[in-house]
Amino acid sequence: MNDNEYYELLGVDRNSDSTTIKKAYRKLALKYHPDKAPEDKKDEYEETFKKISEAYNVLSDPEKKNIY
């Protein structure tokens, strides 16, 4: 796994604070939420939403972020 993958996925810098990470996550979560997806792209949106959620889950937890 690329060391910057989660940061790139959320579109934030490695030195971003928790507020910036949270804002980036919320923006992307609203954009790619499966309930807002067009019928022909439901699977794509769902997969992207899962990746975004995983990235936020790791980067928002200081302990997990240190390990990452």
PDB file of N, CA and C in Angstrom:
ATOM      1  N   MET A   1       0.847  -1.184   0.000  1.00  0.00           N
ATOM      2  CA  MET A   1       0.000   0.000   0.000  1.00  0.00           C
ATOM      3  C   MET A   1       0.886   1.238   0.000  1.00  0.00           C
ATOM      4  N   ASN A   2       0.535   2.172  -0.801  1.00  0.00           N
ATOM      5  CA  ASN A   2       1.244   3.449  -0.881  1.00  0.00           C
ATOM      6  C   ASN A   2       1.060   4.216   0.432  1.00  0.00           C
ATOM      7  N   ASP A   3       2.145   4.758   0.968  1.00  0.00           N
ATOM      8  CA  ASP A   3       2.078   5.485   2.241  1.00  0.00           C
ATOM      9  C   ASP A   3       1.134   6.680   2.202  1.00  0.00           C
ATOM     10  N   ASN A   4       0.951   7.269   1.035  1.00  0.00           N
ATOM     11  CA  ASN A   4       0.117   8.463   0.913  1.00  0.00           C
ATOM     12  C   ASN A   4      -1.274   8.164   0.377  1.00  0.00           C
ATOM     13  N   GLU A   5      -1.627   6.910   0.211  1.00  0.00           N
ATOM     14  CA  GLU A   5      -2.892   6.566  -0.433  1.00  0.00           C
ATOM     15  C   GLU A   5      -4.102   7.208   0.252  1.00  0.00           C
ATOM     16  N   TYR A   6      -4.197   7.113   1.555  1.00  0.00           N
ATOM     17  CA  TYR A   6      -5.340   7.692   2.263  1.00  0.00           C
ATOM     18  C   TYR A   6      -5.369   9.212   2.135  1.00  0.00           C
ATOM     19  N   TYR A   7      -4.201   9.815   2.200  1.00  0.00           N
ATOM     20  CA  TYR A   7      -4.128  11.271   2.069  1.00  0.00           C
ATOM     21  C   TYR A   7      -4.551  11.703   0.662  1.00  0.00           C
ATOM     22  N   GLU A   8      -4.078  10.984  -0.333  1.00  0.00           N
ATOM     23  CA  GLU A   8      -4.437  11.298  -1.724  1.00  0.00           C
ATOM     24  C   GLU A   8      -5.925  11.086  -1.957  1.00  0.00           C
ATOM     25  N   LEU A   9      -6.456  10.013  -1.388  1.00  0.00           N
ATOM     26  CA  LEU A   9      -7.876   9.708  -1.554  1.00  0.00           C
ATOM     27  C   LEU A   9      -8.749  10.839  -1.008  1.00  0.00           C
ATOM     28  N   LEU A  10      -8.357  11.372   0.135  1.00  0.00           N
ATOM     29  CA  LEU A  10      -9.122  12.468   0.735  1.00  0.00           C
ATOM     30  C   LEU A  10      -8.716  13.835   0.178  1.00  0.00           C
ATOM     31  N   GLY A  11      -7.622  13.865  -0.554  1.00  0.00           N
ATOM     32  CA  GLY A  11      -7.162  15.124  -1.149  1.00  0.00           C
ATOM     33  C   GLY A  11      -6.572  16.088  -0.140  1.00  0.00           C
ATOM     34  N   VAL A  12      -5.904  15.545   0.869  1.00  0.00           N
ATOM     35  CA  VAL A  12      -5.277  16.387   1.894  1.00  0.00           C
ATOM     36  C   VAL A  12      -3.782  16.101   1.958  1.00  0.00           C
ATOM     37  N   ASP A  13      -3.059  17.032   2.577  1.00  0.00           N
ATOM     38  CA  ASP A  13      -1.620  16.915   2.747  1.00  0.00           C
ATOM     39  C   ASP A  13      -1.309  16.035   3.961  1.00  0.00           C
ATOM     40  N   ARG A  14      -0.149  15.424   3.982  1.00  0.00           N
ATOM     41  CA  ARG A  14       0.262  14.578   5.115  1.00  0.00           C
ATOM     42  C   ARG A  14       0.275  15.342   6.436  1.00  0.00           C
ATOM     43  N   ASN A  15       0.485  16.634   6.374  1.00  0.00           N
ATOM     44  CA  ASN A  15       0.566  17.445   7.591  1.00  0.00           C
ATOM     45  C   ASN A  15      -0.770  18.072   7.980  1.00  0.00           C
ATOM     46  N   SER A  16      -1.845  17.656   7.359  1.00  0.00           N
ATOM     47  CA  SER A  16      -3.159  18.238   7.633  1.00  0.00           C
ATOM     48  C   SER A  16      -3.624  17.919   9.044  1.00  0.00           C
ATOM     49  N   ASP A  17      -4.317  18.894   9.631  1.00  0.00           N
ATOM     50  CA  ASP A  17      -4.861  18.666  10.966  1.00  0.00           C
ATOM     51  C   ASP A  17      -6.192  17.923  10.880  1.00  0.00           C
ATOM     52  N   SER A  18      -6.718  17.535  12.028  1.00  0.00           N
ATOM     53  CA  SER A  18      -7.936  16.723  12.067  1.00  0.00           C
ATOM     54  C   SER A  18      -9.148  17.462  11.486  1.00  0.00           C
ATOM     55  N   THR A  19      -9.201  18.772  11.638  1.00  0.00           N
ATOM     56  CA  THR A  19     -10.312  19.558  11.098  1.00  0.00           C
ATOM     57  C   THR A  19     -10.308  19.518   9.571  1.00  0.00           C
ATOM     58  N   THR A  20      -9.147  19.661   8.974  1.00  0.00           N
ATOM     59  CA  THR A  20      -9.020  19.628   7.521  1.00  0.00           C
ATOM     60  C   THR A  20      -9.383  18.249   6.986  1.00  0.00           C
ATOM     61  N   ILE A  21      -8.938  17.217   7.669  1.00  0.00           N
ATOM     62  CA  ILE A  21      -9.238  15.844   7.260  1.00  0.00           C
ATOM     63  C   ILE A  21     -10.742  15.595   7.337  1.00  0.00           C
ATOM     64  N   LYS A  22     -11.353  16.079   8.405  1.00  0.00           N
ATOM     65  CA  LYS A  22     -12.791  15.890   8.589  1.00  0.00           C
ATOM     66  C   LYS A  22     -13.585  16.611   7.507  1.00  0.00           C
ATOM     67  N   LYS A  23     -13.196  17.830   7.172  1.00  0.00           N
ATOM     68  CA  LYS A  23     -13.884  18.597   6.123  1.00  0.00           C
ATOM     69  C   LYS A  23     -13.770  17.898   4.778  1.00  0.00           C
ATOM     70  N   ALA A  24     -12.571  17.405   4.470  1.00  0.00           N
ATOM     71  CA  ALA A  24     -12.353  16.711   3.197  1.00  0.00           C
ATOM     72  C   ALA A  24     -13.196  15.446   3.135  1.00  0.00           C
ATOM     73  N   TYR A  25     -13.261  14.716   4.243  1.00  0.00           N
ATOM     74  CA  TYR A  25     -14.060  13.493   4.296  1.00  0.00           C
ATOM     75  C   TYR A  25     -15.542  13.800   4.077  1.00  0.00           C
ATOM     76  N   ARG A  26     -16.052  14.771   4.783  1.00  0.00           N
ATOM     77  CA  ARG A  26     -17.475  15.104   4.666  1.00  0.00           C
ATOM     78  C   ARG A  26     -17.855  15.529   3.246  1.00  0.00           C
ATOM     79  N   LYS A  27     -16.989  16.317   2.640  1.00  0.00           N
ATOM     80  CA  LYS A  27     -17.239  16.769   1.274  1.00  0.00           C
ATOM     81  C   LYS A  27     -17.319  15.577   0.316  1.00  0.00           C
ATOM     82  N   LEU A  28     -16.352  14.672   0.423  1.00  0.00           N
ATOM     83  CA  LEU A  28     -16.331  13.506  -0.457  1.00  0.00           C
ATOM     84  C   LEU A  28     -17.450  12.516  -0.115  1.00  0.00           C
ATOM     85  N   ALA A  29     -17.757  12.380   1.165  1.00  0.00           N
ATOM     86  CA  ALA A  29     -18.817  11.465   1.579  1.00  0.00           C
ATOM     87  C   ALA A  29     -20.169  11.913   1.021  1.00  0.00           C
ATOM     88  N   LEU A  30     -20.403  13.209   1.016  1.00  0.00           N
ATOM     89  CA  LEU A  30     -21.649  13.720   0.430  1.00  0.00           C
ATOM     90  C   LEU A  30     -21.684  13.485  -1.082  1.00  0.00           C
ATOM     91  N   LYS A  31     -20.545  13.689  -1.712  1.00  0.00           N
ATOM     92  CA  LYS A  31     -20.472  13.531  -3.162  1.00  0.00           C
ATOM     93  C   LYS A  31     -20.654  12.076  -3.588  1.00  0.00           C
ATOM     94  N   TYR A  32     -20.057  11.150  -2.861  1.00  0.00           N
ATOM     95  CA  TYR A  32     -20.065   9.742  -3.266  1.00  0.00           C
ATOM     96  C   TYR A  32     -20.987   8.853  -2.444  1.00  0.00           C
ATOM     97  N   HIS A  33     -21.895   9.437  -1.694  1.00  0.00           N
ATOM     98  CA  HIS A  33     -22.817   8.612  -0.908  1.00  0.00           C
ATOM     99  C   HIS A  33     -23.662   7.757  -1.845  1.00  0.00           C
ATOM    100  N   PRO A  34     -23.768   6.454  -1.567  1.00  0.00           N
ATOM    101  CA  PRO A  34     -24.513   5.553  -2.460  1.00  0.00           C
ATOM    102  C   PRO A  34     -25.971   5.955  -2.685  1.00  0.00           C
ATOM    103  N   ASP A  35     -26.586   6.598  -1.709  1.00  0.00           N
ATOM    104  CA  ASP A  35     -27.981   7.022  -1.877  1.00  0.00           C
ATOM    105  C   ASP A  35     -28.129   8.142  -2.899  1.00  0.00           C
ATOM    106  N   LYS A  36     -27.066   8.866  -3.172  1.00  0.00           N
ATOM    107  CA  LYS A  36     -27.117   9.977  -4.126  1.00  0.00           C
ATOM    108  C   LYS A  36     -26.583   9.582  -5.501  1.00  0.00           C
ATOM    109  N   ALA A  37     -26.203   8.327  -5.644  1.00  0.00           N
ATOM    110  CA  ALA A  37     -25.589   7.866  -6.891  1.00  0.00           C
ATOM    111  C   ALA A  37     -26.633   7.655  -7.982  1.00  0.00           C
ATOM    112  N   PRO A  38     -26.268   7.955  -9.228  1.00  0.00           N
ATOM    113  CA  PRO A  38     -27.144   7.604 -10.341  1.00  0.00           C
ATOM    114  C   PRO A  38     -27.265   6.075 -10.406  1.00  0.00           C
ATOM    115  N   GLU A  39     -28.361   5.589 -10.901  1.00  0.00           N
ATOM    116  CA  GLU A  39     -28.614   4.151 -10.936  1.00  0.00           C
ATOM    117  C   GLU A  39     -27.487   3.364 -11.600  1.00  0.00           C
ATOM    118  N   ASP A  40     -26.918   3.891 -12.674  1.00  0.00           N
ATOM    119  CA  ASP A  40     -25.895   3.158 -13.410  1.00  0.00           C
ATOM    120  C   ASP A  40     -24.525   3.176 -12.739  1.00  0.00           C
ATOM    121  N   LYS A  41     -24.366   3.949 -11.654  1.00  0.00           N
ATOM    122  CA  LYS A  41     -23.060   4.049 -10.986  1.00  0.00           C
ATOM    123  C   LYS A  41     -23.135   3.699  -9.502  1.00  0.00           C
ATOM    124  N   LYS A  42     -24.163   3.013  -9.073  1.00  0.00           N
ATOM    125  CA  LYS A  42     -24.329   2.684  -7.651  1.00  0.00           C
ATOM    126  C   LYS A  42     -23.141   1.912  -7.097  1.00  0.00           C
ATOM    127  N   ASP A  43     -22.683   0.891  -7.827  1.00  0.00           N
ATOM    128  CA  ASP A  43     -21.567   0.068  -7.340  1.00  0.00           C
ATOM    129  C   ASP A  43     -20.284   0.877  -7.226  1.00  0.00           C
ATOM    130  N   GLU A  44     -20.028   1.715  -8.219  1.00  0.00           N
ATOM    131  CA  GLU A  44     -18.827   2.560  -8.215  1.00  0.00           C
ATOM    132  C   GLU A  44     -18.851   3.528  -7.027  1.00  0.00           C
ATOM    133  N   TYR A  45     -19.982   4.164  -6.789  1.00  0.00           N
ATOM    134  CA  TYR A  45     -20.107   5.106  -5.679  1.00  0.00           C
ATOM    135  C   TYR A  45     -19.954   4.387  -4.339  1.00  0.00           C
ATOM    136  N   GLU A  46     -20.540   3.201  -4.239  1.00  0.00           N
ATOM    137  CA  GLU A  46     -20.473   2.446  -2.996  1.00  0.00           C
ATOM    138  C   GLU A  46     -19.022   2.063  -2.670  1.00  0.00           C
ATOM    139  N   GLU A  47     -18.276   1.605  -3.677  1.00  0.00           N
ATOM    140  CA  GLU A  47     -16.882   1.229  -3.486  1.00  0.00           C
ATOM    141  C   GLU A  47     -16.037   2.453  -3.086  1.00  0.00           C
ATOM    142  N   THR A  48     -16.246   3.567  -3.758  1.00  0.00           N
ATOM    143  CA  THR A  48     -15.513   4.797  -3.437  1.00  0.00           C
ATOM    144  C   THR A  48     -15.851   5.268  -2.025  1.00  0.00           C
ATOM    145  N   PHE A  49     -17.117   5.200  -1.667  1.00  0.00           N
ATOM    146  CA  PHE A  49     -17.558   5.617  -0.337  1.00  0.00           C
ATOM    147  C   PHE A  49     -16.889   4.768   0.739  1.00  0.00           C
ATOM    148  N   LYS A  50     -16.769   3.466   0.506  1.00  0.00           N
ATOM    149  CA  LYS A  50     -16.108   2.581   1.468  1.00  0.00           C
ATOM    150  C   LYS A  50     -14.640   2.950   1.634  1.00  0.00           C
ATOM    151  N   LYS A  51     -13.967   3.251   0.530  1.00  0.00           N
ATOM    152  CA  LYS A  51     -12.548   3.633   0.585  1.00  0.00           C
ATOM    153  C   LYS A  51     -12.369   4.943   1.338  1.00  0.00           C
ATOM    154  N   ILE A  52     -13.243   5.905   1.063  1.00  0.00           N
ATOM    155  CA  ILE A  52     -13.180   7.203   1.738  1.00  0.00           C
ATOM    156  C   ILE A  52     -13.406   7.024   3.243  1.00  0.00           C
ATOM    157  N   SER A  53     -14.379   6.199   3.597  1.00  0.00           N
ATOM    158  CA  SER A  53     -14.679   5.954   5.009  1.00  0.00           C
ATOM    159  C   SER A  53     -13.518   5.275   5.718  1.00  0.00           C
ATOM    160  N   GLU A  54     -12.887   4.315   5.051  1.00  0.00           N
ATOM    161  CA  GLU A  54     -11.733   3.630   5.637  1.00  0.00           C
ATOM    162  C   GLU A  54     -10.584   4.614   5.859  1.00  0.00           C
ATOM    163  N   ALA A  55     -10.336   5.461   4.868  1.00  0.00           N
ATOM    164  CA  ALA A  55      -9.270   6.453   4.985  1.00  0.00           C
ATOM    165  C   ALA A  55      -9.541   7.388   6.159  1.00  0.00           C
ATOM    166  N   TYR A  56     -10.766   7.855   6.276  1.00  0.00           N
ATOM    167  CA  TYR A  56     -11.110   8.761   7.377  1.00  0.00           C
ATOM    168  C   TYR A  56     -10.998   8.051   8.721  1.00  0.00           C
ATOM    169  N   ASN A  57     -11.428   6.806   8.757  1.00  0.00           N
ATOM    170  CA  ASN A  57     -11.370   6.021   9.991  1.00  0.00           C
ATOM    171  C   ASN A  57      -9.931   5.929  10.503  1.00  0.00           C
ATOM    172  N   VAL A  58      -8.992   5.725   9.611  1.00  0.00           N
ATOM    173  CA  VAL A  58      -7.585   5.621   9.997  1.00  0.00           C
ATOM    174  C   VAL A  58      -7.005   6.991  10.347  1.00  0.00           C
ATOM    175  N   LEU A  59      -7.214   7.971   9.492  1.00  0.00           N
ATOM    176  CA  LEU A  59      -6.584   9.281   9.688  1.00  0.00           C
ATOM    177  C   LEU A  59      -7.200  10.095  10.822  1.00  0.00           C
ATOM    178  N   SER A  60      -8.423   9.795  11.215  1.00  0.00           N
ATOM    179  CA  SER A  60      -9.055  10.565  12.291  1.00  0.00           C
ATOM    180  C   SER A  60      -8.695  10.027  13.672  1.00  0.00           C
ATOM    181  N   ASP A  61      -8.170   8.819  13.740  1.00  0.00           N
ATOM    182  CA  ASP A  61      -7.767   8.215  15.005  1.00  0.00           C
ATOM    183  C   ASP A  61      -6.252   8.385  15.166  1.00  0.00           C
ATOM    184  N   PRO A  62      -5.819   9.172  16.156  1.00  0.00           N
ATOM    185  CA  PRO A  62      -4.380   9.449  16.303  1.00  0.00           C
ATOM    186  C   PRO A  62      -3.520   8.182  16.414  1.00  0.00           C
ATOM    187  N   GLU A  63      -4.009   7.174  17.104  1.00  0.00           N
ATOM    188  CA  GLU A  63      -3.240   5.938  17.262  1.00  0.00           C
ATOM    189  C   GLU A  63      -3.093   5.204  15.920  1.00  0.00           C
ATOM    190  N   LYS A  64      -4.205   5.081  15.191  1.00  0.00           N
ATOM    191  CA  LYS A  64      -4.168   4.417  13.882  1.00  0.00           C
ATOM    192  C   LYS A  64      -3.342   5.220  12.891  1.00  0.00           C
ATOM    193  N   LYS A  65      -3.436   6.543  12.996  1.00  0.00           N
ATOM    194  CA  LYS A  65      -2.685   7.407  12.092  1.00  0.00           C
ATOM    195  C   LYS A  65      -1.182   7.241  12.302  1.00  0.00           C
ATOM    196  N   ASN A  66      -0.756   7.123  13.562  1.00  0.00           N
ATOM    197  CA  ASN A  66       0.657   6.902  13.862  1.00  0.00           C
ATOM    198  C   ASN A  66       1.154   5.587  13.281  1.00  0.00           C
ATOM    199  N   ILE A  67       0.344   4.543  13.391  1.00  0.00           N
ATOM    200  CA  ILE A  67       0.709   3.242  12.846  1.00  0.00           C
ATOM    201  C   ILE A  67       0.773   3.311  11.325  1.00  0.00           C
ATOM    202  N   TYR A  68      -0.180   4.009  10.730  1.00  0.00           N
ATOM    203  CA  TYR A  68      -0.231   4.147   9.273  1.00  0.00           C
ATOM    204  C   TYR A  68       0.957   4.915   8.766  1.00  0.00           C
TER     205      TYR A  68
END
